[in-house]
Amino acid sequence: MSASQLLADLVRLGIRIEAHEDRLRYSPRSSVTPDLEARIRAHKRELLEMLKRNPSSKEFDPTDANDAWQALVDRLQEDTRFPPTILEGLRLAEARWVNEISRRELPSSRPVKEG
């Protein structure tokens, strides 16, 4: 698998990845599986080169609820004072929220009763 394909997979999964000097930063961290993280590490050099040539135009927007939520979860994940059960609860809440939003945006497949 190429670094380009990996980058396309990350975009498809809704994972943002950015180059910061010689490091890669990605968000939401909770969406990156161990397998995906191993793929990122295997292609780190190529990803850094690609991202430095074409940096992302999307900046963190503190007024965007999703950006703020991801920043909070990422910050808490790095803080060892928060037990994994709390972080898992936050991830589950996020998944439920995303499912609820998706369900609201999709048209209903059930027929509407008349009368």
PDB file of N, CA and C in Angstrom:
ATOM      1  N   MET A   1       0.850  -1.183   0.000  1.00  0.00           N
ATOM      2  CA  MET A   1       0.000   0.000   0.000  1.00  0.00           C
ATOM      3  C   MET A   1       0.890   1.239   0.000  1.00  0.00           C
ATOM      4  N   SER A   2       0.482   2.205  -0.785  1.00  0.00           N
ATOM      5  CA  SER A   2       1.251   3.443  -0.899  1.00  0.00           C
ATOM      6  C   SER A   2       0.816   4.459   0.158  1.00  0.00           C
ATOM      7  N   ALA A   3       1.663   5.453   0.355  1.00  0.00           N
ATOM      8  CA  ALA A   3       1.333   6.540   1.279  1.00  0.00           C
ATOM      9  C   ALA A   3       0.130   7.323   0.769  1.00  0.00           C
ATOM     10  N   SER A   4       0.009   7.450  -0.546  1.00  0.00           N
ATOM     11  CA  SER A   4      -1.144   8.151  -1.127  1.00  0.00           C
ATOM     12  C   SER A   4      -2.441   7.428  -0.807  1.00  0.00           C
ATOM     13  N   GLN A   5      -2.420   6.098  -0.917  1.00  0.00           N
ATOM     14  CA  GLN A   5      -3.617   5.314  -0.601  1.00  0.00           C
ATOM     15  C   GLN A   5      -3.943   5.427   0.887  1.00  0.00           C
ATOM     16  N   LEU A   6      -2.921   5.394   1.728  1.00  0.00           N
ATOM     17  CA  LEU A   6      -3.140   5.539   3.166  1.00  0.00           C
ATOM     18  C   LEU A   6      -3.756   6.896   3.475  1.00  0.00           C
ATOM     19  N   LEU A   7      -3.253   7.941   2.848  1.00  0.00           N
ATOM     20  CA  LEU A   7      -3.797   9.280   3.060  1.00  0.00           C
ATOM     21  C   LEU A   7      -5.260   9.342   2.615  1.00  0.00           C
ATOM     22  N   ALA A   8      -5.567   8.705   1.499  1.00  0.00           N
ATOM     23  CA  ALA A   8      -6.957   8.655   1.027  1.00  0.00           C
ATOM     24  C   ALA A   8      -7.839   7.898   2.019  1.00  0.00           C
ATOM     25  N   ASP A   9      -7.316   6.809   2.585  1.00  0.00           N
ATOM     26  CA  ASP A   9      -8.071   6.042   3.586  1.00  0.00           C
ATOM     27  C   ASP A   9      -8.346   6.890   4.824  1.00  0.00           C
ATOM     28  N   LEU A  10      -7.351   7.651   5.259  1.00  0.00           N
ATOM     29  CA  LEU A  10      -7.530   8.502   6.434  1.00  0.00           C
ATOM     30  C   LEU A  10      -8.605   9.549   6.183  1.00  0.00           C
ATOM     31  N   VAL A  11      -8.579  10.156   5.013  1.00  0.00           N
ATOM     32  CA  VAL A  11      -9.592  11.158   4.664  1.00  0.00           C
ATOM     33  C   VAL A  11     -10.974  10.513   4.653  1.00  0.00           C
ATOM     34  N   ARG A  12     -11.074   9.327   4.051  1.00  0.00           N
ATOM     35  CA  ARG A  12     -12.352   8.615   3.974  1.00  0.00           C
ATOM     36  C   ARG A  12     -12.889   8.295   5.369  1.00  0.00           C
ATOM     37  N   LEU A  13     -11.998   7.999   6.308  1.00  0.00           N
ATOM     38  CA  LEU A  13     -12.395   7.678   7.678  1.00  0.00           C
ATOM     39  C   LEU A  13     -12.637   8.923   8.531  1.00  0.00           C
ATOM     40  N   GLY A  14     -12.418  10.097   7.955  1.00  0.00           N
ATOM     41  CA  GLY A  14     -12.637  11.333   8.698  1.00  0.00           C
ATOM     42  C   GLY A  14     -11.509  11.679   9.650  1.00  0.00           C
ATOM     43  N   ILE A  15     -10.333  11.144   9.387  1.00  0.00           N
ATOM     44  CA  ILE A  15      -9.170  11.393  10.240  1.00  0.00           C
ATOM     45  C   ILE A  15      -8.311  12.457   9.572  1.00  0.00           C
ATOM     46  N   ARG A  16      -8.067  13.541  10.306  1.00  0.00           N
ATOM     47  CA  ARG A  16      -7.197  14.612   9.808  1.00  0.00           C
ATOM     48  C   ARG A  16      -5.769  14.315  10.227  1.00  0.00           C
ATOM     49  N   ILE A  17      -4.857  14.508   9.306  1.00  0.00           N
ATOM     50  CA  ILE A  17      -3.444  14.285   9.605  1.00  0.00           C
ATOM     51  C   ILE A  17      -2.663  15.494   9.116  1.00  0.00           C
ATOM     52  N   GLU A  18      -1.718  15.942   9.940  1.00  0.00           N
ATOM     53  CA  GLU A  18      -0.924  17.125   9.619  1.00  0.00           C
ATOM     54  C   GLU A  18       0.536  16.865   9.958  1.00  0.00           C
ATOM     55  N   ALA A  19       1.414  17.556   9.236  1.00  0.00           N
ATOM     56  CA  ALA A  19       2.847  17.499   9.509  1.00  0.00           C
ATOM     57  C   ALA A  19       3.221  18.682  10.394  1.00  0.00           C
ATOM     58  N   HIS A  20       3.924  18.396  11.482  1.00  0.00           N
ATOM     59  CA  HIS A  20       4.457  19.429  12.377  1.00  0.00           C
ATOM     60  C   HIS A  20       5.933  19.117  12.573  1.00  0.00           C
ATOM     61  N   GLU A  21       6.767  19.872  11.853  1.00  0.00           N
ATOM     62  CA  GLU A  21       8.210  19.648  11.828  1.00  0.00           C
ATOM     63  C   GLU A  21       8.471  18.212  11.381  1.00  0.00           C
ATOM     64  N   ASP A  22       9.031  17.360  12.238  1.00  0.00           N
ATOM     65  CA  ASP A  22       9.303  15.978  11.834  1.00  0.00           C
ATOM     66  C   ASP A  22       8.316  14.992  12.457  1.00  0.00           C
ATOM     67  N   ARG A  23       7.154  15.500  12.878  1.00  0.00           N
ATOM     68  CA  ARG A  23       6.151  14.641  13.519  1.00  0.00           C
ATOM     69  C   ARG A  23       4.836  14.706  12.753  1.00  0.00           C
ATOM     70  N   LEU A  24       4.066  13.648  12.893  1.00  0.00           N
ATOM     71  CA  LEU A  24       2.714  13.607  12.342  1.00  0.00           C
ATOM     72  C   LEU A  24       1.725  13.752  13.484  1.00  0.00           C
ATOM     73  N   ARG A  25       0.703  14.551  13.267  1.00  0.00           N
ATOM     74  CA  ARG A  25      -0.380  14.686  14.244  1.00  0.00           C
ATOM     75  C   ARG A  25      -1.671  14.333  13.534  1.00  0.00           C
ATOM     76  N   TYR A  26      -2.481  13.527  14.201  1.00  0.00           N
ATOM     77  CA  TYR A  26      -3.744  13.146  13.597  1.00  0.00           C
ATOM     78  C   TYR A  26      -4.859  13.232  14.620  1.00  0.00           C
ATOM     79  N   SER A  27      -6.051  13.457  14.106  1.00  0.00           N
ATOM     80  CA  SER A  27      -7.214  13.648  14.958  1.00  0.00           C
ATOM     81  C   SER A  27      -8.445  13.171  14.208  1.00  0.00           C
ATOM     82  N   PRO A  28      -9.372  12.533  14.855  1.00  0.00           N
ATOM     83  CA  PRO A  28      -9.405  12.170  16.261  1.00  0.00           C
ATOM     84  C   PRO A  28      -8.554  10.935  16.530  1.00  0.00           C
ATOM     85  N   ARG A  29      -7.773  10.999  17.568  1.00  0.00           N
ATOM     86  CA  ARG A  29      -6.905   9.890  17.939  1.00  0.00           C
ATOM     87  C   ARG A  29      -7.716   8.641  18.257  1.00  0.00           C
ATOM     88  N   SER A  30      -8.917   8.847  18.780  1.00  0.00           N
ATOM     89  CA  SER A  30      -9.756   7.709  19.154  1.00  0.00           C
ATOM     90  C   SER A  30     -10.209   6.899  17.942  1.00  0.00           C
ATOM     91  N   SER A  31     -10.110   7.452  16.746  1.00  0.00           N
ATOM     92  CA  SER A  31     -10.518   6.738  15.530  1.00  0.00           C
ATOM     93  C   SER A  31      -9.378   5.937  14.905  1.00  0.00           C
ATOM     94  N   VAL A  32      -8.171   6.117  15.399  1.00  0.00           N
ATOM     95  CA  VAL A  32      -7.010   5.447  14.821  1.00  0.00           C
ATOM     96  C   VAL A  32      -6.792   4.114  15.533  1.00  0.00           C
ATOM     97  N   THR A  33      -7.030   3.030  14.802  1.00  0.00           N
ATOM     98  CA  THR A  33      -6.846   1.685  15.345  1.00  0.00           C
ATOM     99  C   THR A  33      -5.357   1.359  15.408  1.00  0.00           C
ATOM    100  N   PRO A  34      -4.970   0.341  16.192  1.00  0.00           N
ATOM    101  CA  PRO A  34      -3.557  -0.048  16.221  1.00  0.00           C
ATOM    102  C   PRO A  34      -3.018  -0.415  14.831  1.00  0.00           C
ATOM    103  N   ASP A  35      -3.836  -1.080  14.010  1.00  0.00           N
ATOM    104  CA  ASP A  35      -3.411  -1.429  12.652  1.00  0.00           C
ATOM    105  C   ASP A  35      -3.171  -0.175  11.813  1.00  0.00           C
ATOM    106  N   LEU A  36      -4.081   0.775  11.922  1.00  0.00           N
ATOM    107  CA  LEU A  36      -3.942   2.023  11.175  1.00  0.00           C
ATOM    108  C   LEU A  36      -2.726   2.809  11.658  1.00  0.00           C
ATOM    109  N   GLU A  37      -2.493   2.806  12.958  1.00  0.00           N
ATOM    110  CA  GLU A  37      -1.320   3.499  13.495  1.00  0.00           C
ATOM    111  C   GLU A  37      -0.027   2.859  12.983  1.00  0.00           C
ATOM    112  N   ALA A  38      -0.014   1.536  12.875  1.00  0.00           N
ATOM    113  CA  ALA A  38       1.167   0.850  12.337  1.00  0.00           C
ATOM    114  C   ALA A  38       1.399   1.238  10.876  1.00  0.00           C
ATOM    115  N   ARG A  39       0.324   1.368  10.101  1.00  0.00           N
ATOM    116  CA  ARG A  39       0.442   1.798   8.704  1.00  0.00           C
ATOM    117  C   ARG A  39       0.968   3.228   8.625  1.00  0.00           C
ATOM    118  N   ILE A  40       0.498   4.097   9.519  1.00  0.00           N
ATOM    119  CA  ILE A  40       0.973   5.487   9.536  1.00  0.00           C
ATOM    120  C   ILE A  40       2.471   5.519   9.835  1.00  0.00           C
ATOM    121  N   ARG A  41       2.892   4.736  10.825  1.00  0.00           N
ATOM    122  CA  ARG A  41       4.322   4.700  11.177  1.00  0.00           C
ATOM    123  C   ARG A  41       5.169   4.145  10.032  1.00  0.00           C
ATOM    124  N   ALA A  42       4.643   3.141   9.339  1.00  0.00           N
ATOM    125  CA  ALA A  42       5.395   2.541   8.233  1.00  0.00           C
ATOM    126  C   ALA A  42       5.601   3.528   7.086  1.00  0.00           C
ATOM    127  N   HIS A  43       4.684   4.461   6.913  1.00  0.00           N
ATOM    128  CA  HIS A  43       4.759   5.439   5.818  1.00  0.00           C
ATOM    129  C   HIS A  43       5.034   6.856   6.316  1.00  0.00           C
ATOM    130  N   LYS A  44       5.581   6.976   7.509  1.00  0.00           N
ATOM    131  CA  LYS A  44       5.765   8.294   8.119  1.00  0.00           C
ATOM    132  C   LYS A  44       6.561   9.245   7.223  1.00  0.00           C
ATOM    133  N   ARG A  45       7.694   8.801   6.722  1.00  0.00           N
ATOM    134  CA  ARG A  45       8.551   9.678   5.912  1.00  0.00           C
ATOM    135  C   ARG A  45       7.812  10.182   4.673  1.00  0.00           C
ATOM    136  N   GLU A  46       7.133   9.269   3.968  1.00  0.00           N
ATOM    137  CA  GLU A  46       6.401   9.664   2.763  1.00  0.00           C
ATOM    138  C   GLU A  46       5.243  10.597   3.096  1.00  0.00           C
ATOM    139  N   LEU A  47       4.528  10.299   4.194  1.00  0.00           N
ATOM    140  CA  LEU A  47       3.410  11.155   4.602  1.00  0.00           C
ATOM    141  C   LEU A  47       3.895  12.559   4.944  1.00  0.00           C
ATOM    142  N   LEU A  48       5.011  12.645   5.676  1.00  0.00           N
ATOM    143  CA  LEU A  48       5.561  13.957   6.021  1.00  0.00           C
ATOM    144  C   LEU A  48       5.890  14.756   4.764  1.00  0.00           C
ATOM    145  N   GLU A  49       6.514  14.105   3.790  1.00  0.00           N
ATOM    146  CA  GLU A  49       6.863  14.794   2.541  1.00  0.00           C
ATOM    147  C   GLU A  49       5.613  15.276   1.814  1.00  0.00           C
ATOM    148  N   MET A  50       4.607  14.413   1.718  1.00  0.00           N
ATOM    149  CA  MET A  50       3.367  14.774   1.025  1.00  0.00           C
ATOM    150  C   MET A  50       2.660  15.930   1.721  1.00  0.00           C
ATOM    151  N   LEU A  51       2.569  15.854   3.035  1.00  0.00           N
ATOM    152  CA  LEU A  51       1.837  16.871   3.787  1.00  0.00           C
ATOM    153  C   LEU A  51       2.573  18.208   3.812  1.00  0.00           C
ATOM    154  N   LYS A  52       3.899  18.173   3.814  1.00  0.00           N
ATOM    155  CA  LYS A  52       4.652  19.429   3.788  1.00  0.00           C
ATOM    156  C   LYS A  52       4.535  20.115   2.429  1.00  0.00           C
ATOM    157  N   ARG A  53       4.415  19.329   1.364  1.00  0.00           N
ATOM    158  CA  ARG A  53       4.221  19.906   0.029  1.00  0.00           C
ATOM    159  C   ARG A  53       2.823  20.487  -0.128  1.00  0.00           C
ATOM    160  N   ASN A  54       1.832  19.819   0.456  1.00  0.00           N
ATOM    161  CA  ASN A  54       0.428  20.228   0.322  1.00  0.00           C
ATOM    162  C   ASN A  54      -0.234  20.261   1.692  1.00  0.00           C
ATOM    163  N   PRO A  55       0.048  21.265   2.498  1.00  0.00           N
ATOM    164  CA  PRO A  55      -0.544  21.311   3.839  1.00  0.00           C
ATOM    165  C   PRO A  55      -2.061  21.461   3.774  1.00  0.00           C
ATOM    166  N   SER A  56      -2.699  20.936   4.799  1.00  0.00           N
ATOM    167  CA  SER A  56      -4.163  21.013   4.886  1.00  0.00           C
ATOM    168  C   SER A  56      -4.599  22.452   5.064  1.00  0.00           C
ATOM    169  N   SER A  57      -5.676  22.811   4.395  1.00  0.00           N
ATOM    170  CA  SER A  57      -6.182  24.175   4.528  1.00  0.00           C
ATOM    171  C   SER A  57      -7.133  24.311   5.711  1.00  0.00           C
ATOM    172  N   LYS A  58      -7.584  23.169   6.260  1.00  0.00           N
ATOM    173  CA  LYS A  58      -8.536  23.244   7.366  1.00  0.00           C
ATOM    174  C   LYS A  58      -7.782  23.441   8.670  1.00  0.00           C
ATOM    175  N   GLU A  59      -8.049  24.535   9.305  1.00  0.00           N
ATOM    176  CA  GLU A  59      -7.460  24.841  10.600  1.00  0.00           C
ATOM    177  C   GLU A  59      -8.442  24.463  11.696  1.00  0.00           C
ATOM    178  N   PHE A  60      -7.953  24.347  12.903  1.00  0.00           N
ATOM    179  CA  PHE A  60      -8.822  24.088  14.045  1.00  0.00           C
ATOM    180  C   PHE A  60      -9.760  25.271  14.220  1.00  0.00           C
ATOM    181  N   ASP A  61     -11.042  24.973  14.327  1.00  0.00           N
ATOM    182  CA  ASP A  61     -12.055  26.007  14.500  1.00  0.00           C
ATOM    183  C   ASP A  61     -12.689  25.828  15.877  1.00  0.00           C
ATOM    184  N   PRO A  62     -12.363  26.682  16.856  1.00  0.00           N
ATOM    185  CA  PRO A  62     -12.905  26.508  18.206  1.00  0.00           C
ATOM    186  C   PRO A  62     -14.414  26.680  18.285  1.00  0.00           C
ATOM    187  N   THR A  63     -15.024  27.265  17.252  1.00  0.00           N
ATOM    188  CA  THR A  63     -16.482  27.416  17.269  1.00  0.00           C
ATOM    189  C   THR A  63     -17.190  26.204  16.669  1.00  0.00           C
ATOM    190  N   ASP A  64     -16.428  25.289  16.074  1.00  0.00           N
ATOM    191  CA  ASP A  64     -16.993  24.068  15.510  1.00  0.00           C
ATOM    192  C   ASP A  64     -17.084  23.017  16.617  1.00  0.00           C
ATOM    193  N   ALA A  65     -18.283  22.517  16.870  1.00  0.00           N
ATOM    194  CA  ALA A  65     -18.499  21.565  17.968  1.00  0.00           C
ATOM    195  C   ALA A  65     -17.651  20.313  17.803  1.00  0.00           C
ATOM    196  N   ASN A  66     -17.538  19.800  16.583  1.00  0.00           N
ATOM    197  CA  ASN A  66     -16.752  18.591  16.367  1.00  0.00           C
ATOM    198  C   ASN A  66     -15.271  18.835  16.631  1.00  0.00           C
ATOM    199  N   ASP A  67     -14.728  19.960  16.142  1.00  0.00           N
ATOM    200  CA  ASP A  67     -13.323  20.285  16.401  1.00  0.00           C
ATOM    201  C   ASP A  67     -13.053  20.426  17.896  1.00  0.00           C
ATOM    202  N   ALA A  68     -13.948  21.111  18.595  1.00  0.00           N
ATOM    203  CA  ALA A  68     -13.774  21.306  20.038  1.00  0.00           C
ATOM    204  C   ALA A  68     -13.838  19.972  20.779  1.00  0.00           C
ATOM    205  N   TRP A  69     -14.778  19.114  20.389  1.00  0.00           N
ATOM    206  CA  TRP A  69     -14.914  17.794  21.027  1.00  0.00           C
ATOM    207  C   TRP A  69     -13.649  16.964  20.808  1.00  0.00           C
ATOM    208  N   GLN A  70     -13.155  16.927  19.567  1.00  0.00           N
ATOM    209  CA  GLN A  70     -11.958  16.148  19.269  1.00  0.00           C
ATOM    210  C   GLN A  70     -10.746  16.675  20.031  1.00  0.00           C
ATOM    211  N   ALA A  71     -10.619  17.976  20.126  1.00  0.00           N
ATOM    212  CA  ALA A  71      -9.500  18.559  20.869  1.00  0.00           C
ATOM    213  C   ALA A  71      -9.574  18.165  22.338  1.00  0.00           C
ATOM    214  N   LEU A  72     -10.773  18.174  22.896  1.00  0.00           N
ATOM    215  CA  LEU A  72     -10.949  17.791  24.299  1.00  0.00           C
ATOM    216  C   LEU A  72     -10.575  16.333  24.516  1.00  0.00           C
ATOM    217  N   VAL A  73     -11.105  15.444  23.691  1.00  0.00           N
ATOM    218  CA  VAL A  73     -10.817  14.017  23.854  1.00  0.00           C
ATOM    219  C   VAL A  73      -9.329  13.747  23.658  1.00  0.00           C
ATOM    220  N   ASP A  74      -8.710  14.385  22.669  1.00  0.00           N
ATOM    221  CA  ASP A  74      -7.272  14.208  22.451  1.00  0.00           C
ATOM    222  C   ASP A  74      -6.467  14.678  23.656  1.00  0.00           C
ATOM    223  N   ARG A  75      -6.856  15.812  24.221  1.00  0.00           N
ATOM    224  CA  ARG A  75      -6.150  16.345  25.385  1.00  0.00           C
ATOM    225  C   ARG A  75      -6.302  15.413  26.587  1.00  0.00           C
ATOM    226  N   LEU A  76      -7.512  14.911  26.808  1.00  0.00           N
ATOM    227  CA  LEU A  76      -7.748  14.008  27.932  1.00  0.00           C
ATOM    228  C   LEU A  76      -7.022  12.688  27.750  1.00  0.00           C
ATOM    229  N   GLN A  77      -6.924  12.223  26.516  1.00  0.00           N
ATOM    230  CA  GLN A  77      -6.249  10.962  26.240  1.00  0.00           C
ATOM    231  C   GLN A  77      -4.772  11.042  26.609  1.00  0.00           C
ATOM    232  N   GLU A  78      -4.174  12.203  26.465  1.00  0.00           N
ATOM    233  CA  GLU A  78      -2.759  12.376  26.783  1.00  0.00           C
ATOM    234  C   GLU A  78      -2.514  12.572  28.277  1.00  0.00           C
ATOM    235  N   ASP A  79      -3.571  12.850  29.034  1.00  0.00           N
ATOM    236  CA  ASP A  79      -3.452  13.092  30.474  1.00  0.00           C
ATOM    237  C   ASP A  79      -3.662  11.778  31.221  1.00  0.00           C
ATOM    238  N   THR A  80      -2.629  11.302  31.901  1.00  0.00           N
ATOM    239  CA  THR A  80      -2.694  10.007  32.580  1.00  0.00           C
ATOM    240  C   THR A  80      -3.608  10.005  33.798  1.00  0.00           C
ATOM    241  N   ARG A  81      -4.076  11.171  34.223  1.00  0.00           N
ATOM    242  CA  ARG A  81      -4.977  11.211  35.381  1.00  0.00           C
ATOM    243  C   ARG A  81      -6.380  10.711  35.046  1.00  0.00           C
ATOM    244  N   PHE A  82      -6.725  10.669  33.763  1.00  0.00           N
ATOM    245  CA  PHE A  82      -8.062  10.232  33.368  1.00  0.00           C
ATOM    246  C   PHE A  82      -8.049   8.737  33.087  1.00  0.00           C
ATOM    247  N   PRO A  83      -8.880   7.983  33.816  1.00  0.00           N
ATOM    248  CA  PRO A  83      -8.902   6.531  33.610  1.00  0.00           C
ATOM    249  C   PRO A  83      -9.463   6.172  32.233  1.00  0.00           C
ATOM    250  N   PRO A  84      -9.029   5.042  31.704  1.00  0.00           N
ATOM    251  CA  PRO A  84      -9.501   4.609  30.385  1.00  0.00           C
ATOM    252  C   PRO A  84     -11.021   4.469  30.306  1.00  0.00           C
ATOM    253  N   THR A  85     -11.683   4.173  31.416  1.00  0.00           N
ATOM    254  CA  THR A  85     -13.144   4.023  31.379  1.00  0.00           C
ATOM    255  C   THR A  85     -13.829   5.337  31.017  1.00  0.00           C
ATOM    256  N   ILE A  86     -13.303   6.445  31.488  1.00  0.00           N
ATOM    257  CA  ILE A  86     -13.886   7.749  31.146  1.00  0.00           C
ATOM    258  C   ILE A  86     -13.667   8.043  29.665  1.00  0.00           C
ATOM    259  N   LEU A  87     -12.452   7.781  29.184  1.00  0.00           N
ATOM    260  CA  LEU A  87     -12.165   8.020  27.769  1.00  0.00           C
ATOM    261  C   LEU A  87     -13.026   7.128  26.882  1.00  0.00           C
ATOM    262  N   GLU A  88     -13.218   5.867  27.289  1.00  0.00           N
ATOM    263  CA  GLU A  88     -14.065   4.967  26.504  1.00  0.00           C
ATOM    264  C   GLU A  88     -15.503   5.471  26.487  1.00  0.00           C
ATOM    265  N   GLY A  89     -15.975   5.991  27.616  1.00  0.00           N
ATOM    266  CA  GLY A  89     -17.316   6.571  27.662  1.00  0.00           C
ATOM    267  C   GLY A  89     -17.452   7.758  26.726  1.00  0.00           C
ATOM    268  N   LEU A  90     -16.419   8.585  26.652  1.00  0.00           N
ATOM    269  CA  LEU A  90     -16.443   9.726  25.730  1.00  0.00           C
ATOM    270  C   LEU A  90     -16.470   9.264  24.275  1.00  0.00           C
ATOM    271  N   ARG A  91     -15.700   8.215  23.983  1.00  0.00           N
ATOM    272  CA  ARG A  91     -15.699   7.691  22.614  1.00  0.00           C
ATOM    273  C   ARG A  91     -17.061   7.107  22.246  1.00  0.00           C
ATOM    274  N   LEU A  92     -17.676   6.391  23.197  1.00  0.00           N
ATOM    275  CA  LEU A  92     -19.009   5.834  22.941  1.00  0.00           C
ATOM    276  C   LEU A  92     -20.033   6.946  22.743  1.00  0.00           C
ATOM    277  N   ALA A  93     -19.932   7.994  23.548  1.00  0.00           N
ATOM    278  CA  ALA A  93     -20.852   9.125  23.398  1.00  0.00           C
ATOM    279  C   ALA A  93     -20.681   9.767  22.026  1.00  0.00           C
ATOM    280  N   GLU A  94     -19.445   9.902  21.584  1.00  0.00           N
ATOM    281  CA  GLU A  94     -19.190  10.477  20.262  1.00  0.00           C
ATOM    282  C   GLU A  94     -19.787   9.596  19.168  1.00  0.00           C
ATOM    283  N   ALA A  95     -19.587   8.271  19.284  1.00  0.00           N
ATOM    284  CA  ALA A  95     -20.132   7.354  18.275  1.00  0.00           C
ATOM    285  C   ALA A  95     -21.655   7.434  18.228  1.00  0.00           C
ATOM    286  N   ARG A  96     -22.287   7.505  19.398  1.00  0.00           N
ATOM    287  CA  ARG A  96     -23.752   7.630  19.435  1.00  0.00           C
ATOM    288  C   ARG A  96     -24.194   8.944  18.799  1.00  0.00           C
ATOM    289  N   TRP A  97     -23.461  10.011  19.075  1.00  0.00           N
ATOM    290  CA  TRP A  97     -23.797  11.322  18.511  1.00  0.00           C
ATOM    291  C   TRP A  97     -23.688  11.292  16.986  1.00  0.00           C
ATOM    292  N   VAL A  98     -22.604  10.712  16.475  1.00  0.00           N
ATOM    293  CA  VAL A  98     -22.414  10.622  15.027  1.00  0.00           C
ATOM    294  C   VAL A  98     -23.526   9.785  14.405  1.00  0.00           C
ATOM    295  N   ASN A  99     -23.877   8.662  15.049  1.00  0.00           N
ATOM    296  CA  ASN A  99     -24.963   7.826  14.524  1.00  0.00           C
ATOM    297  C   ASN A  99     -26.283   8.570  14.527  1.00  0.00           C
ATOM    298  N   GLU A 100     -26.549   9.322  15.572  1.00  0.00           N
ATOM    299  CA  GLU A 100     -27.798  10.084  15.656  1.00  0.00           C
ATOM    300  C   GLU A 100     -27.853  11.150  14.567  1.00  0.00           C
ATOM    301  N   ILE A 101     -26.757  11.865  14.364  1.00  0.00           N
ATOM    302  CA  ILE A 101     -26.713  12.891  13.321  1.00  0.00           C
ATOM    303  C   ILE A 101     -26.915  12.249  11.949  1.00  0.00           C
ATOM    304  N   SER A 102     -26.240  11.124  11.703  1.00  0.00           N
ATOM    305  CA  SER A 102     -26.373  10.437  10.414  1.00  0.00           C
ATOM    306  C   SER A 102     -27.802   9.984  10.188  1.00  0.00           C
ATOM    307  N   ARG A 103     -28.428   9.459  11.226  1.00  0.00           N
ATOM    308  CA  ARG A 103     -29.802   8.974  11.102  1.00  0.00           C
ATOM    309  C   ARG A 103     -30.754  10.129  10.798  1.00  0.00           C
ATOM    310  N   ARG A 104     -30.531  11.278  11.391  1.00  0.00           N
ATOM    311  CA  ARG A 104     -31.393  12.436  11.148  1.00  0.00           C
ATOM    312  C   ARG A 104     -31.238  12.974   9.735  1.00  0.00           C
ATOM    313  N   GLU A 105     -30.032  12.849   9.180  1.00  0.00           N
ATOM    314  CA  GLU A 105     -29.770  13.398   7.851  1.00  0.00           C
ATOM    315  C   GLU A 105     -30.241  12.488   6.731  1.00  0.00           C
ATOM    316  N   LEU A 106     -30.409  11.186   7.010  1.00  0.00           N
ATOM    317  CA  LEU A 106     -30.847  10.257   5.980  1.00  0.00           C
ATOM    318  C   LEU A 106     -32.362  10.248   5.895  1.00  0.00           C
ATOM    319  N   PRO A 107     -32.915  10.195   4.685  1.00  0.00           N
ATOM    320  CA  PRO A 107     -34.368  10.137   4.569  1.00  0.00           C
ATOM    321  C   PRO A 107     -34.889   8.811   5.109  1.00  0.00           C
ATOM    322  N   SER A 108     -36.050   8.854   5.681  1.00  0.00           N
ATOM    323  CA  SER A 108     -36.659   7.664   6.255  1.00  0.00           C
ATOM    324  C   SER A 108     -37.050   6.698   5.147  1.00  0.00           C
ATOM    325  N   SER A 109     -36.809   5.406   5.387  1.00  0.00           N
ATOM    326  CA  SER A 109     -37.179   4.408   4.392  1.00  0.00           C
ATOM    327  C   SER A 109     -38.560   3.827   4.683  1.00  0.00           C
ATOM    328  N   ARG A 110     -39.171   4.226   5.807  1.00  0.00           N
ATOM    329  CA  ARG A 110     -40.497   3.720   6.158  1.00  0.00           C
ATOM    330  C   ARG A 110     -41.566   4.545   5.463  1.00  0.00           C
ATOM    331  N   PRO A 111     -42.611   3.868   4.977  1.00  0.00           N
ATOM    332  CA  PRO A 111     -43.696   4.633   4.348  1.00  0.00           C
ATOM    333  C   PRO A 111     -44.461   5.439   5.388  1.00  0.00           C
ATOM    334  N   VAL A 112     -44.945   6.577   4.982  1.00  0.00           N
ATOM    335  CA  VAL A 112     -45.718   7.443   5.866  1.00  0.00           C
ATOM    336  C   VAL A 112     -47.185   7.072   5.734  1.00  0.00           C
ATOM    337  N   LYS A 113     -47.840   6.844   6.887  1.00  0.00           N
ATOM    338  CA  LYS A 113     -49.265   6.514   6.875  1.00  0.00           C
ATOM    339  C   LYS A 113     -50.072   7.765   6.585  1.00  0.00           C
ATOM    340  N   GLU A 114     -51.038   7.606   5.732  1.00  0.00           N
ATOM    341  CA  GLU A 114     -51.918   8.732   5.416  1.00  0.00           C
ATOM    342  C   GLU A 114     -53.228   8.554   6.159  1.00  0.00           C
ATOM    343  N   GLY A 115     -53.835   9.673   6.516  1.00  0.00           N
ATOM    344  CA  GLY A 115     -55.165   9.648   7.080  1.00  0.00           C
ATOM    345  C   GLY A 115     -55.147   9.590   8.513  1.00  0.00           C
TER     346      GLY A 115
END
